[in-house]
Amino acid sequence: MGIFIGLCGYTFYYANGASYLSNEPKACVNCHIMREQYDGWQKASHHSVATCNDCHIPHEFFSKYVTKLKNGFWHSKGFTLQDFSEPIRMLPENRVVLQRNCLYCHEAFVSEIATHPGNDQQMLDCIHCHSRVGHGPAR
């Protein structure tokens, strides 16, 4: 048990695990597979007003850290075992978080077309048309 805890602690230290608890976008590029997304975000229209967490993580305290924990686990596993898809893709539950965060900031502007709030199956998906808003051209 001590070896397991020691390995987990070392991995957390080596991977700059504490940085993932922050709101700093550079934490997202600790992992090499996120470099293209980070570079694209720096050129995107939301760069000056939104960080990675503003779009990809729930805003409620408990949900925020549960999502960070789950995403961190899957990202670590994928990067360590090199079994992630290329290009990297969001899981369906993460698309729901993203959609809710789009509406969180833009609700007044899109209220006329957001006709099924709370029903993620019938709701018009913002990134269907605006896929480059958060991550502009990477090159």
Foldseek 3Di string as FASTA:
>chain_A
DVVVVVVVVVVCVVLVVVCLVDQDQVSQPSQVLCLLQSLQQCVAPCVVPHHPCLQQAAPDDVRRVVVSVVVVVVVVVCRVVVPADPVHDDDPVRLVSNQVSVCVVCVVVCVVQQPPPPPVVPGDRVCVPVVSRRGPHSD
